[in-house]
Amino acid sequence: MSVKHTQNVPAEVVSAGTKTTRQVLISAEEGPNFAMRRFVMEVGGGMPRHTNTVEHEQYVLGGRARIGIGAEEYEVQQGDVVFIPENVPHWYQNIGEEPFQFLCLIPNKPDTTTILDSLESQC
């Protein structure tokens, strides 16, 4: 068991993203089935279209973003819940005036991320 505050968890820059950081709140070593991560995309930030070999369960903590999942686009905000199946292309773009923040839970399985497009090609 562990209890910690997000202020005590280091944030790392997401190299494929723009103005985006990630904190691993519960690692695969701590949680037997799922890892929990917190993403923060600053104003103008985002992630390019990509795929992952694991599903994503997400809860929006704050801000607003446009998200592409497969061929669909959605505008999401605080309180929204997002499910992204494994191997489905997806992307994010902060469209608000404040940071876009969300929790992302993933199963503890091997995950490969494949970048499909640059962020600039989506805007």
Protein backbone atom coordinates (compact mmCIF):
# COMPACT_ATOMS: atom_id res chain seq x y z
CA MET A 1 0.00 0.00 0.00
CA SER A 2 1.07 3.57 -0.55
CA VAL A 3 -0.33 7.04 -0.06
CA LYS A 4 1.35 10.04 -1.64
CA HIS A 5 0.54 13.53 -2.86
CA THR A 6 0.84 14.44 -6.55
CA GLN A 7 3.17 17.31 -5.58
CA ASN A 8 5.68 14.68 -4.44
CA VAL A 9 5.60 12.70 -7.70
CA PRO A 10 8.08 13.92 -10.34
CA ALA A 11 6.69 15.03 -13.69
CA GLU A 12 8.50 14.04 -16.86
CA VAL A 13 8.21 15.71 -20.25
CA VAL A 14 6.39 13.59 -22.84
CA SER A 15 8.88 13.70 -25.71
CA ALA A 16 6.33 12.96 -28.44
CA GLY A 17 3.99 15.66 -27.16
CA THR A 18 4.00 19.44 -27.10
CA LYS A 19 3.88 21.23 -23.73
CA THR A 20 2.87 17.94 -22.09
CA THR A 21 4.07 16.24 -18.90
CA ARG A 22 3.27 12.92 -17.25
CA GLN A 23 3.42 11.73 -13.65
CA VAL A 24 3.31 8.03 -12.82
CA LEU A 25 1.11 8.11 -9.72
CA ILE A 26 0.83 4.34 -9.29
CA SER A 27 3.44 2.33 -11.15
CA ALA A 28 3.20 -1.23 -12.45
CA GLU A 29 5.36 -2.24 -9.49
CA GLU A 30 2.85 -0.75 -7.01
CA GLY A 31 -0.44 -1.83 -8.58
CA PRO A 32 -0.82 -5.50 -9.54
CA ASN A 33 -3.29 -4.88 -12.39
CA PHE A 34 -3.22 -1.21 -13.45
CA ALA A 35 -0.88 1.77 -13.53
CA MET A 36 -2.24 5.29 -12.96
CA ARG A 37 -0.75 8.31 -14.68
CA ARG A 38 -1.61 12.02 -14.64
CA PHE A 39 -1.10 14.03 -17.83
CA VAL A 40 -0.98 17.83 -18.01
CA MET A 41 -1.13 19.61 -21.37
CA GLU A 42 -0.44 23.31 -21.11
CA VAL A 43 -2.33 25.83 -23.25
CA GLY A 44 -1.48 25.01 -26.87
CA GLY A 45 -0.17 21.58 -25.90
CA GLY A 46 -1.13 18.18 -27.17
CA MET A 47 -0.15 14.72 -28.33
CA PRO A 48 0.14 13.59 -31.97
CA ARG A 49 -1.95 10.81 -33.49
CA HIS A 50 -0.60 7.52 -32.19
CA THR A 51 -1.54 4.02 -31.14
CA ASN A 52 -0.84 1.99 -28.00
CA THR A 53 -0.99 -1.76 -27.59
CA VAL A 54 -2.99 -1.37 -24.36
CA GLU A 55 -6.37 0.21 -23.68
CA HIS A 56 -6.70 3.54 -21.83
CA GLU A 57 -9.30 4.48 -19.21
CA GLN A 58 -9.26 8.25 -18.62
CA TYR A 59 -10.93 10.78 -16.33
CA VAL A 60 -10.68 14.50 -17.13
CA LEU A 61 -9.63 16.52 -14.07
CA GLY A 62 -9.73 19.98 -15.66
CA GLY A 63 -9.44 22.08 -18.77
CA ARG A 64 -10.81 21.39 -22.23
CA ALA A 65 -9.43 19.43 -25.16
CA ARG A 66 -10.30 18.06 -28.54
CA ILE A 67 -9.54 14.35 -28.72
CA GLY A 68 -9.50 12.17 -31.79
CA ILE A 69 -10.29 8.49 -31.31
CA GLY A 70 -10.32 6.47 -34.51
CA ALA A 71 -12.26 8.53 -37.08
CA GLU A 72 -14.26 10.46 -34.44
CA GLU A 73 -13.45 13.77 -32.70
CA TYR A 74 -14.74 14.79 -29.27
CA GLU A 75 -14.51 17.90 -27.10
CA VAL A 76 -13.96 16.90 -23.49
CA GLN A 77 -13.86 18.78 -20.20
CA GLN A 78 -13.74 18.28 -16.45
CA GLY A 79 -15.80 15.27 -15.35
CA ASP A 80 -15.77 13.49 -18.71
CA VAL A 81 -14.70 9.84 -18.93
CA VAL A 82 -12.87 8.52 -22.01
CA PHE A 83 -12.19 4.95 -23.12
CA ILE A 84 -9.63 4.27 -25.85
CA PRO A 85 -9.39 0.64 -27.03
CA GLU A 86 -5.99 -0.90 -27.70
CA ASN A 87 -4.45 -0.24 -31.13
CA VAL A 88 -6.95 2.54 -32.00
CA PRO A 89 -5.32 5.75 -33.28
CA HIS A 90 -5.89 8.73 -30.96
CA TRP A 91 -4.62 12.27 -30.36
CA TYR A 92 -5.14 15.25 -28.03
CA GLN A 93 -5.12 19.05 -28.42
CA ASN A 94 -5.70 21.50 -25.55
CA ILE A 95 -8.34 23.96 -26.80
CA GLY A 96 -8.89 25.79 -23.52
CA GLU A 97 -7.41 28.73 -21.68
CA GLU A 98 -6.01 26.58 -18.87
CA PRO A 99 -4.04 23.33 -18.60
CA PHE A 100 -5.87 20.18 -19.72
CA GLN A 101 -5.37 17.50 -17.07
CA PHE A 102 -6.50 13.90 -16.93
CA LEU A 103 -5.88 10.62 -15.16
CA CYS A 104 -5.01 7.69 -17.41
CA LEU A 105 -5.21 4.10 -16.20
CA ILE A 106 -3.63 1.34 -18.24
CA PRO A 107 -3.35 -2.40 -17.63
CA ASN A 108 0.03 -3.71 -16.58
CA LYS A 109 0.89 -5.29 -19.92
CA PRO A 110 3.67 -4.51 -22.38
CA ASP A 111 2.79 -1.27 -24.21
CA THR A 112 4.24 -0.04 -27.47
CA THR A 113 3.45 3.51 -28.63
CA THR A 114 3.57 4.15 -32.38
CA ILE A 115 3.46 7.78 -33.59
CA LEU A 116 1.39 8.04 -36.77
CA ASP A 117 1.38 11.82 -37.50
CA SER A 118 3.02 14.93 -36.13
CA LEU A 119 0.87 17.20 -33.97
CA GLU A 120 1.25 20.01 -36.51
CA SER A 121 -0.37 17.93 -39.26
CA GLN A 122 -3.57 17.65 -37.19
CA CYS A 123 -4.06 21.38 -36.57
